[in-house]
Amino acid sequence: MVRIRYFAWLRHKTGIGSEELALPDGVRTARQLGDWLAARSPGFHEAWTSTGVVRMAVNHEHVEDDVELGPDDEVAFFPPVTGG
């Protein structure tokens, strides 16, 4: 099972903070997972398309969207972070 965590406005738009699921057939990368999640419901679709930018981390490391996922990975989706 992959554990997925949603942060900031992604949590608000999806309505959940985290979930666990088996990777669907054909989903091997973080981007493919994001695309699959976006097709699940209007809230997920809006979260992935409203700003055009969603950052990802796998097992607490920032990754590019083409990173391959394993069955026991933790995937976090979050908006860009700004500082001051």
N, C-alpha and C. Protein backbone atom coordinates (compact mmCIF):
# COMPACT_ATOMS: atom_id res chain seq x y z
N MET A 1 0.83 -1.18 0.00
CA MET A 1 0.00 0.00 0.00
C MET A 1 0.88 1.25 0.00
N VAL A 2 0.49 2.23 -0.79
CA VAL A 2 1.16 3.51 -0.84
C VAL A 2 0.40 4.46 0.09
N ARG A 3 1.13 5.16 0.92
CA ARG A 3 0.51 6.18 1.77
C ARG A 3 0.64 7.52 1.07
N ILE A 4 -0.47 8.24 0.95
CA ILE A 4 -0.48 9.52 0.26
C ILE A 4 -0.89 10.59 1.26
N ARG A 5 -0.14 11.70 1.26
CA ARG A 5 -0.45 12.82 2.14
C ARG A 5 -0.66 14.07 1.30
N TYR A 6 -1.64 14.86 1.71
CA TYR A 6 -1.99 16.10 1.01
C TYR A 6 -1.80 17.26 1.98
N PHE A 7 -1.13 18.32 1.53
CA PHE A 7 -0.85 19.45 2.40
C PHE A 7 -1.44 20.75 1.86
N ALA A 8 -1.66 21.68 2.77
CA ALA A 8 -2.12 23.04 2.49
C ALA A 8 -3.43 23.03 1.70
N TRP A 9 -3.53 23.81 0.63
CA TRP A 9 -4.79 23.91 -0.09
C TRP A 9 -5.14 22.61 -0.81
N LEU A 10 -4.19 21.73 -1.03
CA LEU A 10 -4.53 20.43 -1.63
C LEU A 10 -5.41 19.63 -0.68
N ARG A 11 -5.12 19.71 0.59
CA ARG A 11 -5.94 19.04 1.60
C ARG A 11 -7.36 19.61 1.58
N HIS A 12 -7.44 20.92 1.48
CA HIS A 12 -8.76 21.57 1.46
C HIS A 12 -9.57 21.16 0.24
N LYS A 13 -8.96 21.19 -0.93
CA LYS A 13 -9.68 20.87 -2.17
C LYS A 13 -10.05 19.39 -2.29
N THR A 14 -9.19 18.51 -1.78
CA THR A 14 -9.50 17.08 -1.89
C THR A 14 -10.41 16.61 -0.76
N GLY A 15 -10.41 17.34 0.35
CA GLY A 15 -11.24 16.97 1.47
C GLY A 15 -10.64 15.92 2.39
N ILE A 16 -9.39 15.53 2.13
CA ILE A 16 -8.73 14.55 2.99
C ILE A 16 -7.26 14.94 3.20
N GLY A 17 -6.71 14.51 4.31
CA GLY A 17 -5.31 14.80 4.60
C GLY A 17 -4.37 13.68 4.20
N SER A 18 -4.89 12.44 4.24
CA SER A 18 -4.05 11.30 3.85
C SER A 18 -4.93 10.10 3.54
N GLU A 19 -4.34 9.17 2.85
CA GLU A 19 -5.02 7.91 2.52
C GLU A 19 -3.98 6.87 2.16
N GLU A 20 -4.39 5.62 2.18
CA GLU A 20 -3.54 4.52 1.74
C GLU A 20 -4.27 3.77 0.66
N LEU A 21 -3.53 3.42 -0.39
CA LEU A 21 -4.14 2.66 -1.47
C LEU A 21 -3.10 1.85 -2.22
N ALA A 22 -3.55 0.83 -2.88
CA ALA A 22 -2.66 0.05 -3.76
C ALA A 22 -2.50 0.84 -5.06
N LEU A 23 -1.30 0.83 -5.61
CA LEU A 23 -1.11 1.52 -6.88
C LEU A 23 -1.98 0.88 -7.95
N PRO A 24 -2.77 1.68 -8.66
CA PRO A 24 -3.60 1.13 -9.73
C PRO A 24 -2.73 0.58 -10.87
N ASP A 25 -3.28 -0.34 -11.64
CA ASP A 25 -2.57 -0.87 -12.80
C ASP A 25 -2.14 0.27 -13.71
N GLY A 26 -0.92 0.22 -14.18
CA GLY A 26 -0.41 1.23 -15.11
C GLY A 26 0.14 2.48 -14.45
N VAL A 27 0.00 2.60 -13.14
CA VAL A 27 0.54 3.76 -12.43
C VAL A 27 1.87 3.37 -11.82
N ARG A 28 2.94 3.97 -12.36
CA ARG A 28 4.29 3.64 -11.89
C ARG A 28 5.06 4.84 -11.38
N THR A 29 4.67 6.04 -11.80
CA THR A 29 5.41 7.25 -11.42
C THR A 29 4.54 8.18 -10.59
N ALA A 30 5.20 9.14 -9.94
CA ALA A 30 4.46 10.12 -9.14
C ALA A 30 3.50 10.92 -10.02
N ARG A 31 3.91 11.30 -11.21
CA ARG A 31 3.03 12.06 -12.11
C ARG A 31 1.82 11.21 -12.51
N GLN A 32 2.04 9.95 -12.84
CA GLN A 32 0.91 9.09 -13.19
C GLN A 32 -0.05 8.95 -12.02
N LEU A 33 0.48 8.89 -10.80
CA LEU A 33 -0.38 8.83 -9.63
C LEU A 33 -1.19 10.11 -9.51
N GLY A 34 -0.55 11.26 -9.68
CA GLY A 34 -1.27 12.53 -9.64
C GLY A 34 -2.35 12.60 -10.70
N ASP A 35 -2.05 12.15 -11.91
CA ASP A 35 -3.06 12.14 -12.99
C ASP A 35 -4.22 11.22 -12.65
N TRP A 36 -3.91 10.06 -12.09
CA TRP A 36 -4.96 9.12 -11.71
C TRP A 36 -5.83 9.72 -10.60
N LEU A 37 -5.19 10.36 -9.63
CA LEU A 37 -5.94 11.00 -8.55
C LEU A 37 -6.84 12.12 -9.10
N ALA A 38 -6.34 12.89 -10.05
CA ALA A 38 -7.12 14.00 -10.63
C ALA A 38 -8.38 13.51 -11.31
N ALA A 39 -8.37 12.28 -11.80
CA ALA A 39 -9.55 11.72 -12.50
C ALA A 39 -10.58 11.16 -11.52
N ARG A 40 -10.26 11.10 -10.24
CA ARG A 40 -11.15 10.47 -9.27
C ARG A 40 -12.39 11.28 -8.93
N SER A 41 -12.26 12.60 -8.83
CA SER A 41 -13.39 13.41 -8.41
C SER A 41 -13.14 14.87 -8.80
N PRO A 42 -14.20 15.68 -8.82
CA PRO A 42 -14.02 17.10 -9.15
C PRO A 42 -13.05 17.81 -8.21
N GLY A 43 -13.07 17.48 -6.91
CA GLY A 43 -12.15 18.12 -5.97
C GLY A 43 -10.71 17.81 -6.28
N PHE A 44 -10.42 16.57 -6.60
CA PHE A 44 -9.05 16.18 -6.97
C PHE A 44 -8.66 16.84 -8.29
N HIS A 45 -9.57 16.85 -9.25
CA HIS A 45 -9.27 17.47 -10.55
C HIS A 45 -8.93 18.95 -10.36
N GLU A 46 -9.73 19.64 -9.57
CA GLU A 46 -9.47 21.06 -9.32
C GLU A 46 -8.13 21.26 -8.62
N ALA A 47 -7.81 20.41 -7.68
CA ALA A 47 -6.54 20.52 -6.96
C ALA A 47 -5.35 20.41 -7.91
N TRP A 48 -5.44 19.52 -8.88
CA TRP A 48 -4.31 19.29 -9.78
C TRP A 48 -4.27 20.26 -10.95
N THR A 49 -5.37 20.93 -11.25
CA THR A 49 -5.38 21.79 -12.43
C THR A 49 -5.58 23.26 -12.13
N SER A 50 -5.97 23.62 -10.92
CA SER A 50 -6.29 25.02 -10.64
C SER A 50 -5.07 25.92 -10.65
N THR A 51 -3.93 25.43 -10.25
CA THR A 51 -2.74 26.28 -10.24
C THR A 51 -1.68 25.83 -11.22
N GLY A 52 -1.77 24.60 -11.67
CA GLY A 52 -0.77 24.09 -12.60
C GLY A 52 0.54 23.68 -11.94
N VAL A 53 0.64 23.84 -10.61
CA VAL A 53 1.89 23.49 -9.94
C VAL A 53 1.58 22.69 -8.68
N VAL A 54 2.02 21.46 -8.67
CA VAL A 54 1.93 20.63 -7.48
C VAL A 54 3.31 20.00 -7.29
N ARG A 55 3.87 20.17 -6.14
CA ARG A 55 5.17 19.58 -5.82
C ARG A 55 4.96 18.20 -5.22
N MET A 56 5.99 17.36 -5.30
CA MET A 56 5.89 15.99 -4.80
C MET A 56 7.13 15.61 -4.00
N ALA A 57 6.90 14.77 -3.02
CA ALA A 57 8.00 14.16 -2.28
C ALA A 57 7.68 12.68 -2.13
N VAL A 58 8.70 11.86 -2.23
CA VAL A 58 8.55 10.42 -2.00
C VAL A 58 9.50 10.06 -0.89
N ASN A 59 8.94 9.47 0.16
CA ASN A 59 9.73 9.08 1.33
C ASN A 59 10.55 10.27 1.87
N HIS A 60 9.90 11.44 1.94
CA HIS A 60 10.45 12.66 2.53
C HIS A 60 11.54 13.31 1.69
N GLU A 61 11.65 12.97 0.41
CA GLU A 61 12.62 13.61 -0.47
C GLU A 61 11.90 14.21 -1.65
N HIS A 62 12.19 15.49 -1.94
CA HIS A 62 11.59 16.13 -3.11
C HIS A 62 12.03 15.37 -4.35
N VAL A 63 11.08 15.14 -5.26
CA VAL A 63 11.38 14.35 -6.45
C VAL A 63 10.78 15.02 -7.68
N GLU A 64 11.30 14.63 -8.82
CA GLU A 64 10.68 15.00 -10.10
C GLU A 64 9.49 14.09 -10.32
N ASP A 65 8.60 14.49 -11.20
CA ASP A 65 7.36 13.73 -11.37
C ASP A 65 7.54 12.39 -12.08
N ASP A 66 8.73 12.13 -12.61
CA ASP A 66 8.94 10.86 -13.31
C ASP A 66 9.55 9.78 -12.40
N VAL A 67 9.69 10.06 -11.10
CA VAL A 67 10.26 9.06 -10.19
C VAL A 67 9.32 7.86 -10.10
N GLU A 68 9.91 6.67 -10.11
CA GLU A 68 9.11 5.44 -10.00
C GLU A 68 8.73 5.20 -8.55
N LEU A 69 7.52 4.74 -8.34
CA LEU A 69 7.00 4.47 -7.01
C LEU A 69 7.06 3.00 -6.67
N GLY A 70 7.27 2.71 -5.41
CA GLY A 70 7.24 1.34 -4.92
C GLY A 70 6.01 1.12 -4.06
N PRO A 71 5.68 -0.12 -3.77
CA PRO A 71 4.45 -0.44 -3.06
C PRO A 71 4.40 0.04 -1.61
N ASP A 72 5.52 0.36 -1.00
CA ASP A 72 5.52 0.80 0.39
C ASP A 72 5.94 2.26 0.54
N ASP A 73 5.90 3.03 -0.53
CA ASP A 73 6.34 4.42 -0.49
C ASP A 73 5.30 5.32 0.16
N GLU A 74 5.78 6.44 0.70
CA GLU A 74 4.92 7.51 1.14
C GLU A 74 5.09 8.65 0.15
N VAL A 75 3.98 9.11 -0.41
CA VAL A 75 3.99 10.17 -1.40
C VAL A 75 3.28 11.38 -0.80
N ALA A 76 3.92 12.53 -0.87
CA ALA A 76 3.32 13.76 -0.38
C ALA A 76 3.14 14.72 -1.54
N PHE A 77 1.97 15.34 -1.61
CA PHE A 77 1.68 16.36 -2.61
C PHE A 77 1.46 17.67 -1.88
N PHE A 78 2.09 18.76 -2.37
CA PHE A 78 1.97 20.04 -1.69
C PHE A 78 2.22 21.17 -2.68
N PRO A 79 1.75 22.37 -2.34
CA PRO A 79 2.00 23.52 -3.21
C PRO A 79 3.42 24.04 -3.01
N PRO A 80 3.90 24.88 -3.92
CA PRO A 80 5.23 25.46 -3.73
C PRO A 80 5.27 26.24 -2.42
N VAL A 81 6.43 26.26 -1.81
CA VAL A 81 6.61 26.97 -0.55
C VAL A 81 7.32 28.27 -0.84
N THR A 82 6.82 29.35 -0.25
CA THR A 82 7.50 30.63 -0.41
C THR A 82 7.96 31.10 0.96
N GLY A 83 8.97 31.88 0.96
CA GLY A 83 9.50 32.39 2.22
C GLY A 83 9.68 33.89 2.16
N GLY A 84 10.04 34.45 3.27
CA GLY A 84 10.17 35.89 3.28
C GLY A 84 11.32 36.38 4.05
